[in-house]
């Protein structure tokens, strides 16, 4: 698994660079071999959330109502952008977020809509009703049919908001809960998505 410091540069030769954002009470190691499975030739940046959360960390906090305030998310997204490796010209950057990390991925799209070439959102919930800027990028949403931590409408609500902003959205419903699909469907769909849109 490839990680990077803030001084690291995604060089042009790597072609595709993926940024993986873990979920609540998480760690970078939570990704296991997922990065290598979905993009074996890519470079990876796998940061740790800056907010202490139980036995781990998270990237964003919920508000008192249990949801997310986009205006509170944007400063954290901007800080994360400043910590991401610089990308050489021609390098395609992809954000991959799981659960709370998917919320941060949406915040990154809010503050830097043209920086990324694609996004993969795993067990997400929408952080806003609309995206202000145009998002001309492919987005894969991986939702669990038995996910008790999400409303059944979350995936479609997020898909609709992204499509209205111009994104090309694919929603895949997996036979699982909030965790990884036991049959490896998360990885297989993510890899096929990347191959389809990025080659």
Protein backbone atom coordinates (compact mmCIF):
# COMPACT_ATOMS: atom_id res chain seq x y z
CA UNK A 1 0.00 0.00 0.00
CA UNK A 2 1.44 3.35 -0.99
CA UNK A 3 1.09 6.30 1.36
CA UNK A 4 2.55 9.76 1.06
CA UNK A 5 3.54 12.79 3.04
CA UNK A 6 2.37 16.29 2.21
CA UNK A 7 5.66 16.87 0.37
CA UNK A 8 5.09 13.89 -1.91
CA UNK A 9 4.29 14.61 -5.56
CA UNK A 10 2.11 12.43 -7.76
CA UNK A 11 4.44 12.31 -10.73
CA UNK A 12 3.18 12.29 -14.29
CA UNK A 13 4.38 8.73 -14.83
CA UNK A 14 1.85 7.32 -12.35
CA UNK A 15 -1.09 8.45 -14.57
CA UNK A 16 -3.73 7.79 -11.87
CA UNK A 17 -3.56 8.68 -8.19
CA UNK A 18 -6.16 7.66 -5.62
CA UNK A 19 -6.93 9.35 -2.30
CA UNK A 20 -8.58 7.00 0.22
CA UNK A 21 -10.61 8.47 3.11
CA UNK A 22 -11.53 6.10 5.94
CA UNK A 23 -14.73 6.14 8.00
CA UNK A 24 -15.53 7.15 11.58
CA UNK A 25 -13.37 5.70 14.38
CA UNK A 26 -11.09 4.69 11.53
CA UNK A 27 -7.46 4.28 10.55
CA UNK A 28 -5.70 4.09 7.18
CA UNK A 29 -5.15 0.36 7.75
CA UNK A 30 -8.92 -0.15 7.56
CA UNK A 31 -8.57 -0.19 3.78
CA UNK A 32 -6.58 -3.43 3.87
CA UNK A 33 -5.70 -4.56 0.35
CA UNK A 34 -8.65 -2.72 -1.25
CA UNK A 35 -6.41 -0.12 -2.98
CA UNK A 36 -4.20 -2.76 -4.60
CA UNK A 37 -7.23 -4.76 -5.75
CA UNK A 38 -9.06 -1.91 -7.46
CA UNK A 39 -6.06 -0.08 -8.95
CA UNK A 40 -2.87 -2.15 -8.80
CA UNK A 41 -0.87 0.25 -10.99
CA UNK A 42 -1.96 3.50 -9.31
CA UNK A 43 -0.28 5.52 -6.60
CA UNK A 44 -2.15 6.03 -3.33
CA UNK A 45 -2.43 8.65 -0.64
CA UNK A 46 -4.16 7.36 2.50
CA UNK A 47 -4.35 10.07 5.15
CA UNK A 48 -5.54 9.80 8.73
CA UNK A 49 -8.53 11.85 9.87
CA UNK A 50 -7.54 14.82 12.04
CA UNK A 51 -10.39 14.45 14.57
CA UNK A 52 -10.07 11.92 17.41
CA UNK A 53 -13.09 9.64 17.28
CA UNK A 54 -13.40 6.83 19.81
CA UNK A 55 -10.50 4.44 19.30
CA UNK A 56 -9.65 5.99 15.94
CA UNK A 57 -10.07 9.13 13.88
CA UNK A 58 -12.49 10.79 11.50
CA UNK A 59 -12.37 13.57 8.93
CA UNK A 60 -15.64 15.36 9.72
CA UNK A 61 -18.08 15.75 12.60
CA UNK A 62 -21.84 15.68 12.63
CA UNK A 63 -23.88 18.64 13.83
CA UNK A 64 -26.21 18.54 16.83
CA UNK A 65 -29.06 17.26 14.66
CA UNK A 66 -26.97 14.29 13.53
CA UNK A 67 -26.39 15.55 10.01
CA UNK A 68 -23.70 17.58 8.29
CA UNK A 69 -23.38 21.32 7.77
CA UNK A 70 -21.67 21.95 4.43
CA UNK A 71 -20.34 25.30 5.64
CA UNK A 72 -18.57 23.55 8.52
CA UNK A 73 -17.26 20.83 6.23
CA UNK A 74 -15.68 23.21 3.72
CA UNK A 75 -12.84 24.48 5.98
CA UNK A 76 -11.87 20.89 6.83
CA UNK A 77 -11.98 19.96 3.16
CA UNK A 78 -9.78 22.95 2.30
CA UNK A 79 -7.27 21.92 4.99
CA UNK A 80 -7.17 18.38 3.61
CA UNK A 81 -6.62 19.71 0.08
CA UNK A 82 -3.60 21.62 1.32
CA UNK A 83 -2.20 18.38 2.79
CA UNK A 84 -2.72 16.32 -0.36
CA UNK A 85 0.27 15.60 -2.59
CA UNK A 86 0.79 17.91 -5.51
CA UNK A 87 -0.11 16.31 -8.83
CA UNK A 88 1.99 16.62 -11.94
CA UNK A 89 0.25 17.73 -15.10
CA UNK A 90 -1.77 14.91 -16.60
CA UNK A 91 -2.17 12.90 -13.38
CA UNK A 92 -5.81 11.96 -12.78
CA UNK A 93 -6.83 12.13 -9.12
CA UNK A 94 -9.65 9.97 -7.77
CA UNK A 95 -11.22 10.28 -4.33
CA UNK A 96 -12.47 7.14 -2.60
CA UNK A 97 -14.43 7.64 0.62
CA UNK A 98 -16.03 5.14 2.96
CA UNK A 99 -18.92 6.21 5.24
CA UNK A 100 -17.75 9.39 7.02
CA UNK A 101 -14.88 9.51 4.54
CA UNK A 102 -17.51 9.67 1.78
CA UNK A 103 -18.86 12.79 3.50
CA UNK A 104 -15.40 14.34 3.29
CA UNK A 105 -15.19 13.28 -0.36
CA UNK A 106 -18.37 15.24 -1.04
CA UNK A 107 -16.93 18.23 0.80
CA UNK A 108 -13.84 18.04 -1.42
CA UNK A 109 -16.09 18.13 -4.47
CA UNK A 110 -17.80 21.19 -3.01
CA UNK A 111 -14.59 23.18 -2.55
CA UNK A 112 -12.57 21.84 -5.52
CA UNK A 113 -15.06 20.56 -8.10
CA UNK A 114 -12.55 20.48 -10.97
CA UNK A 115 -9.61 18.88 -9.15
CA UNK A 116 -10.76 15.26 -9.38
CA UNK A 117 -11.30 12.94 -12.31
CA UNK A 118 -13.65 10.51 -10.55
CA UNK A 119 -15.09 9.60 -7.15
CA UNK A 120 -16.10 6.38 -5.42
CA UNK A 121 -18.47 6.82 -2.47
CA UNK A 122 -18.97 3.75 -0.29
CA UNK A 123 -22.02 3.66 2.06
CA UNK A 124 -22.48 7.42 1.76
CA UNK A 125 -25.13 9.79 2.95
CA UNK A 126 -25.70 13.19 1.33
CA UNK A 127 -24.08 16.18 3.02
CA UNK A 128 -26.02 18.76 1.00
CA UNK A 129 -29.04 19.08 -1.24
CA UNK A 130 -27.18 20.74 -4.10
CA UNK A 131 -23.63 21.09 -5.37
CA UNK A 132 -22.98 24.70 -6.35
CA UNK A 133 -20.46 24.11 -9.12
CA UNK A 134 -20.59 21.87 -12.16
CA UNK A 135 -19.24 18.38 -11.55
CA UNK A 136 -18.35 16.82 -14.87
CA UNK A 137 -16.92 13.61 -13.45
CA UNK A 138 -18.03 9.99 -13.05
CA UNK A 139 -19.15 8.97 -9.56
CA UNK A 140 -19.76 5.45 -8.26
CA UNK A 141 -22.03 5.02 -5.24
CA UNK A 142 -21.82 1.64 -3.47
CA UNK A 143 -24.81 1.22 -1.16
CA UNK A 144 -25.75 -1.71 1.11
CA UNK A 145 -29.28 -3.10 0.89
CA UNK A 146 -29.18 -3.99 4.60
CA UNK A 147 -27.32 -0.93 5.87
CA UNK A 148 -29.10 0.07 9.10
CA UNK A 149 -26.92 3.19 9.40
CA UNK A 150 -28.35 4.67 6.21
CA UNK A 151 -31.81 5.54 4.98
CA UNK A 152 -32.82 3.62 1.89
CA UNK A 153 -33.27 6.99 0.18
CA UNK A 154 -29.75 8.28 0.92
CA UNK A 155 -28.08 6.81 -2.15
CA UNK A 156 -30.75 8.07 -4.54
CA UNK A 157 -30.89 11.51 -2.90
CA UNK A 158 -27.14 11.87 -3.29
CA UNK A 159 -27.27 10.51 -6.84
CA UNK A 160 -29.92 13.07 -7.80
CA UNK A 161 -27.92 15.98 -6.33
CA UNK A 162 -24.77 14.88 -8.15
CA UNK A 163 -26.58 14.39 -11.45
CA UNK A 164 -28.11 17.86 -11.22
CA UNK A 165 -24.55 19.21 -10.92
CA UNK A 166 -23.56 17.35 -14.08
CA UNK A 167 -21.91 14.23 -12.65
CA UNK A 168 -22.23 10.86 -14.36
CA UNK A 169 -23.50 8.71 -11.51
CA UNK A 170 -23.69 4.94 -11.17
CA UNK A 171 -25.46 3.47 -8.11
CA UNK A 172 -24.76 -0.14 -7.22
CA UNK A 173 -26.81 -1.84 -4.53
CA UNK A 174 -24.89 -4.62 -2.77
CA UNK A 175 -26.23 -7.47 -0.66
CA UNK A 176 -24.62 -6.30 2.57
CA UNK A 177 -24.91 -3.91 5.50
CA UNK A 178 -22.67 -0.96 6.36
CA UNK A 179 -19.48 -3.01 6.27
CA UNK A 180 -17.69 -4.56 3.32
CA UNK A 181 -19.65 -6.87 1.09
CA UNK A 182 -18.54 -10.42 2.02
CA UNK A 183 -18.40 -11.49 -1.63
CA UNK A 184 -15.92 -8.78 -2.58
CA UNK A 185 -18.49 -6.84 -4.61
CA UNK A 186 -17.21 -3.46 -3.39
CA UNK A 187 -13.80 -4.14 -4.90
CA UNK A 188 -15.08 -5.71 -8.10
CA UNK A 189 -17.47 -2.83 -8.84
CA UNK A 190 -14.86 -0.21 -7.95
CA UNK A 191 -12.25 -1.81 -10.17
CA UNK A 192 -14.65 -2.14 -13.11
CA UNK A 193 -15.68 1.51 -12.66
CA UNK A 194 -12.08 2.72 -12.76
CA UNK A 195 -11.29 0.60 -15.79
CA UNK A 196 -14.37 1.86 -17.60
CA UNK A 197 -13.74 5.56 -17.05
CA UNK A 198 -9.97 5.82 -16.61
CA UNK A 199 -8.68 2.80 -18.49
